[in-house]
Amino acid sequence: MRDAIEMIVKSLVDDKEAVDIREVEQRGATLIEVRVASQDVGKIIGKQGKTIRALRSLAKIGGTKQNRRYFLEIVE
C-alpha cells in the first residue's frame, strides 16, 4: 500500500525529492504518514479536500483486500 500511495503522491507534487511516506503500526491498524514540501501540501489536499479523500478511499479499499486497516494522514 505504501508504494502505491507514494507513486500517486509523487505524480501530484512538483518537488518529488521532498516526498516521504512512512508506515506506523497503531492498535491493529497502519497509519500512513505523508510528508511533502510545504508548497505541495495544497496539491495533495486538493479542492475542497477531494484529492486527499480519494487517497484515503484507495487506502481503505486496499486494506479491505488485505484484511488490514489503513489510515492516511498528511504530516507537516
N, C-alpha and C. Protein backbone atom coordinates (compact mmCIF):
# COMPACT_ATOMS: atom_id res chain seq x y z
N MET A 1 0.82 -1.19 0.00
CA MET A 1 0.00 0.00 0.00
C MET A 1 0.87 1.25 0.00
N ARG A 2 1.95 1.20 0.77
CA ARG A 2 2.85 2.35 0.86
C ARG A 2 3.38 2.74 -0.52
N ASP A 3 3.76 1.75 -1.31
CA ASP A 3 4.33 2.03 -2.63
C ASP A 3 3.30 2.66 -3.56
N ALA A 4 2.07 2.20 -3.49
CA ALA A 4 1.01 2.75 -4.33
C ALA A 4 0.74 4.21 -3.98
N ILE A 5 0.64 4.50 -2.69
CA ILE A 5 0.40 5.88 -2.24
C ILE A 5 1.58 6.76 -2.64
N GLU A 6 2.80 6.26 -2.48
CA GLU A 6 3.98 7.03 -2.84
C GLU A 6 4.00 7.36 -4.33
N MET A 7 3.67 6.41 -5.17
CA MET A 7 3.65 6.63 -6.61
C MET A 7 2.63 7.72 -6.98
N ILE A 8 1.46 7.67 -6.38
CA ILE A 8 0.41 8.65 -6.67
C ILE A 8 0.82 10.03 -6.19
N VAL A 9 1.33 10.11 -4.96
CA VAL A 9 1.72 11.41 -4.39
C VAL A 9 2.84 12.04 -5.20
N LYS A 10 3.83 11.25 -5.60
CA LYS A 10 4.94 11.79 -6.39
C LYS A 10 4.48 12.30 -7.74
N SER A 11 3.43 11.72 -8.29
CA SER A 11 2.93 12.20 -9.58
C SER A 11 2.15 13.51 -9.41
N LEU A 12 1.70 13.82 -8.21
CA LEU A 12 0.92 15.04 -7.97
C LEU A 12 1.76 16.26 -7.63
N VAL A 13 2.91 16.07 -7.01
CA VAL A 13 3.69 17.20 -6.48
C VAL A 13 4.77 17.66 -7.46
N ASP A 14 5.29 18.86 -7.21
CA ASP A 14 6.39 19.40 -8.01
C ASP A 14 7.74 18.91 -7.50
N ASP A 15 7.92 18.91 -6.17
CA ASP A 15 9.18 18.53 -5.55
C ASP A 15 9.12 17.06 -5.13
N LYS A 16 9.46 16.17 -6.05
CA LYS A 16 9.36 14.73 -5.80
C LYS A 16 10.37 14.24 -4.77
N GLU A 17 11.48 14.95 -4.62
CA GLU A 17 12.52 14.55 -3.67
C GLU A 17 12.08 14.77 -2.22
N ALA A 18 11.14 15.69 -2.00
CA ALA A 18 10.69 16.01 -0.64
C ALA A 18 9.61 15.05 -0.13
N VAL A 19 9.15 14.15 -0.98
CA VAL A 19 8.09 13.22 -0.58
C VAL A 19 8.68 12.15 0.35
N ASP A 20 8.04 12.00 1.50
CA ASP A 20 8.46 10.99 2.48
C ASP A 20 7.21 10.29 2.99
N ILE A 21 7.14 8.99 2.81
CA ILE A 21 5.97 8.21 3.22
C ILE A 21 6.44 7.19 4.26
N ARG A 22 5.77 7.17 5.40
CA ARG A 22 6.12 6.23 6.47
C ARG A 22 4.88 5.48 6.92
N GLU A 23 5.10 4.25 7.33
CA GLU A 23 4.02 3.45 7.90
C GLU A 23 4.27 3.27 9.39
N VAL A 24 3.26 3.53 10.18
CA VAL A 24 3.35 3.40 11.63
C VAL A 24 2.23 2.48 12.09
N GLU A 25 2.59 1.42 12.82
CA GLU A 25 1.58 0.50 13.34
C GLU A 25 0.97 1.09 14.60
N GLN A 26 -0.36 1.14 14.64
CA GLN A 26 -1.06 1.67 15.81
C GLN A 26 -2.31 0.85 16.08
N ARG A 27 -2.38 0.21 17.20
CA ARG A 27 -3.57 -0.51 17.67
C ARG A 27 -4.23 -1.35 16.58
N GLY A 28 -3.49 -2.19 15.93
CA GLY A 28 -4.05 -3.10 14.94
C GLY A 28 -4.31 -2.48 13.59
N ALA A 29 -3.91 -1.24 13.40
CA ALA A 29 -4.09 -0.56 12.11
C ALA A 29 -2.75 0.02 11.68
N THR A 30 -2.67 0.40 10.43
CA THR A 30 -1.45 1.01 9.90
C THR A 30 -1.75 2.45 9.51
N LEU A 31 -1.00 3.37 10.08
CA LEU A 31 -1.11 4.78 9.75
C LEU A 31 -0.06 5.09 8.70
N ILE A 32 -0.47 5.62 7.57
CA ILE A 32 0.45 6.03 6.51
C ILE A 32 0.61 7.54 6.62
N GLU A 33 1.81 7.97 6.97
CA GLU A 33 2.10 9.40 7.11
C GLU A 33 2.74 9.91 5.82
N VAL A 34 2.16 10.95 5.26
CA VAL A 34 2.65 11.54 4.02
C VAL A 34 3.26 12.89 4.34
N ARG A 35 4.53 13.05 4.01
CA ARG A 35 5.21 14.34 4.18
C ARG A 35 5.62 14.85 2.81
N VAL A 36 5.27 16.09 2.51
CA VAL A 36 5.65 16.72 1.24
C VAL A 36 6.16 18.13 1.55
N ALA A 37 6.72 18.77 0.54
CA ALA A 37 7.19 20.14 0.70
C ALA A 37 5.99 21.05 1.00
N SER A 38 6.24 22.12 1.72
CA SER A 38 5.14 22.99 2.16
C SER A 38 4.35 23.57 0.99
N GLN A 39 5.01 23.83 -0.14
CA GLN A 39 4.29 24.39 -1.28
C GLN A 39 3.43 23.34 -1.99
N ASP A 40 3.62 22.07 -1.68
CA ASP A 40 2.86 21.00 -2.33
C ASP A 40 1.72 20.45 -1.49
N VAL A 41 1.56 20.92 -0.27
CA VAL A 41 0.50 20.41 0.60
C VAL A 41 -0.87 20.65 -0.02
N GLY A 42 -1.08 21.81 -0.60
CA GLY A 42 -2.36 22.12 -1.23
C GLY A 42 -2.69 21.19 -2.38
N LYS A 43 -1.69 20.76 -3.09
CA LYS A 43 -1.91 19.84 -4.21
C LYS A 43 -2.36 18.47 -3.72
N ILE A 44 -1.86 18.06 -2.57
CA ILE A 44 -2.25 16.77 -2.01
C ILE A 44 -3.67 16.85 -1.43
N ILE A 45 -4.00 17.97 -0.83
CA ILE A 45 -5.34 18.13 -0.26
C ILE A 45 -6.37 18.28 -1.38
N GLY A 46 -6.06 19.10 -2.37
CA GLY A 46 -6.98 19.29 -3.50
C GLY A 46 -8.10 20.25 -3.16
N LYS A 47 -8.89 20.57 -4.18
CA LYS A 47 -10.02 21.47 -3.98
C LYS A 47 -11.06 20.80 -3.11
N GLN A 48 -11.41 21.48 -2.03
CA GLN A 48 -12.38 21.00 -1.05
C GLN A 48 -12.01 19.63 -0.49
N GLY A 49 -10.72 19.28 -0.51
CA GLY A 49 -10.25 18.04 0.08
C GLY A 49 -10.52 16.79 -0.75
N LYS A 50 -10.85 16.98 -2.00
CA LYS A 50 -11.22 15.83 -2.84
C LYS A 50 -10.05 14.88 -3.10
N THR A 51 -8.86 15.41 -3.29
CA THR A 51 -7.71 14.55 -3.59
C THR A 51 -7.33 13.69 -2.38
N ILE A 52 -7.25 14.30 -1.21
CA ILE A 52 -6.90 13.53 -0.03
C ILE A 52 -7.99 12.52 0.30
N ARG A 53 -9.23 12.89 0.06
CA ARG A 53 -10.33 11.96 0.29
C ARG A 53 -10.22 10.75 -0.63
N ALA A 54 -9.83 10.99 -1.89
CA ALA A 54 -9.65 9.89 -2.84
C ALA A 54 -8.49 8.99 -2.42
N LEU A 55 -7.40 9.58 -1.95
CA LEU A 55 -6.26 8.79 -1.48
C LEU A 55 -6.65 7.94 -0.27
N ARG A 56 -7.43 8.52 0.64
CA ARG A 56 -7.88 7.76 1.81
C ARG A 56 -8.81 6.62 1.40
N SER A 57 -9.63 6.86 0.40
CA SER A 57 -10.52 5.80 -0.10
C SER A 57 -9.71 4.65 -0.70
N LEU A 58 -8.67 5.00 -1.45
CA LEU A 58 -7.81 3.95 -2.02
C LEU A 58 -7.13 3.13 -0.93
N ALA A 59 -6.67 3.81 0.11
CA ALA A 59 -6.03 3.10 1.22
C ALA A 59 -7.04 2.18 1.92
N LYS A 60 -8.26 2.66 2.09
CA LYS A 60 -9.28 1.84 2.74
C LYS A 60 -9.63 0.62 1.89
N ILE A 61 -9.78 0.82 0.59
CA ILE A 61 -10.11 -0.29 -0.31
C ILE A 61 -8.97 -1.30 -0.36
N GLY A 62 -7.73 -0.80 -0.46
CA GLY A 62 -6.57 -1.69 -0.47
C GLY A 62 -6.46 -2.48 0.82
N GLY A 63 -6.78 -1.85 1.93
CA GLY A 63 -6.73 -2.54 3.21
C GLY A 63 -7.79 -3.61 3.32
N THR A 64 -8.94 -3.36 2.74
CA THR A 64 -10.02 -4.34 2.76
C THR A 64 -9.60 -5.61 2.02
N LYS A 65 -8.92 -5.43 0.90
CA LYS A 65 -8.46 -6.59 0.13
C LYS A 65 -7.40 -7.39 0.89
N GLN A 66 -6.63 -6.72 1.75
CA GLN A 66 -5.56 -7.38 2.50
C GLN A 66 -5.96 -7.72 3.94
N ASN A 67 -7.21 -7.47 4.29
CA ASN A 67 -7.71 -7.68 5.65
C ASN A 67 -6.91 -6.88 6.68
N ARG A 68 -6.62 -5.63 6.32
CA ARG A 68 -5.90 -4.72 7.21
C ARG A 68 -6.62 -3.38 7.19
N ARG A 69 -6.32 -2.54 8.18
CA ARG A 69 -6.89 -1.20 8.22
C ARG A 69 -5.79 -0.18 7.99
N TYR A 70 -5.98 0.68 7.01
CA TYR A 70 -5.02 1.73 6.71
C TYR A 70 -5.68 3.09 6.93
N PHE A 71 -4.92 4.01 7.51
CA PHE A 71 -5.34 5.38 7.65
C PHE A 71 -4.26 6.25 7.02
N LEU A 72 -4.67 7.31 6.36
CA LEU A 72 -3.72 8.18 5.67
C LEU A 72 -3.78 9.56 6.29
N GLU A 73 -2.62 10.15 6.55
CA GLU A 73 -2.56 11.45 7.20
C GLU A 73 -1.43 12.26 6.58
N ILE A 74 -1.68 13.56 6.38
CA ILE A 74 -0.64 14.47 5.92
C ILE A 74 0.03 15.07 7.16
N VAL A 75 1.35 14.93 7.23
CA VAL A 75 2.12 15.44 8.38
C VAL A 75 2.95 16.61 7.89
N GLU A 76 2.89 17.70 8.63
CA GLU A 76 3.66 18.88 8.23
C GLU A 76 4.92 18.99 9.05
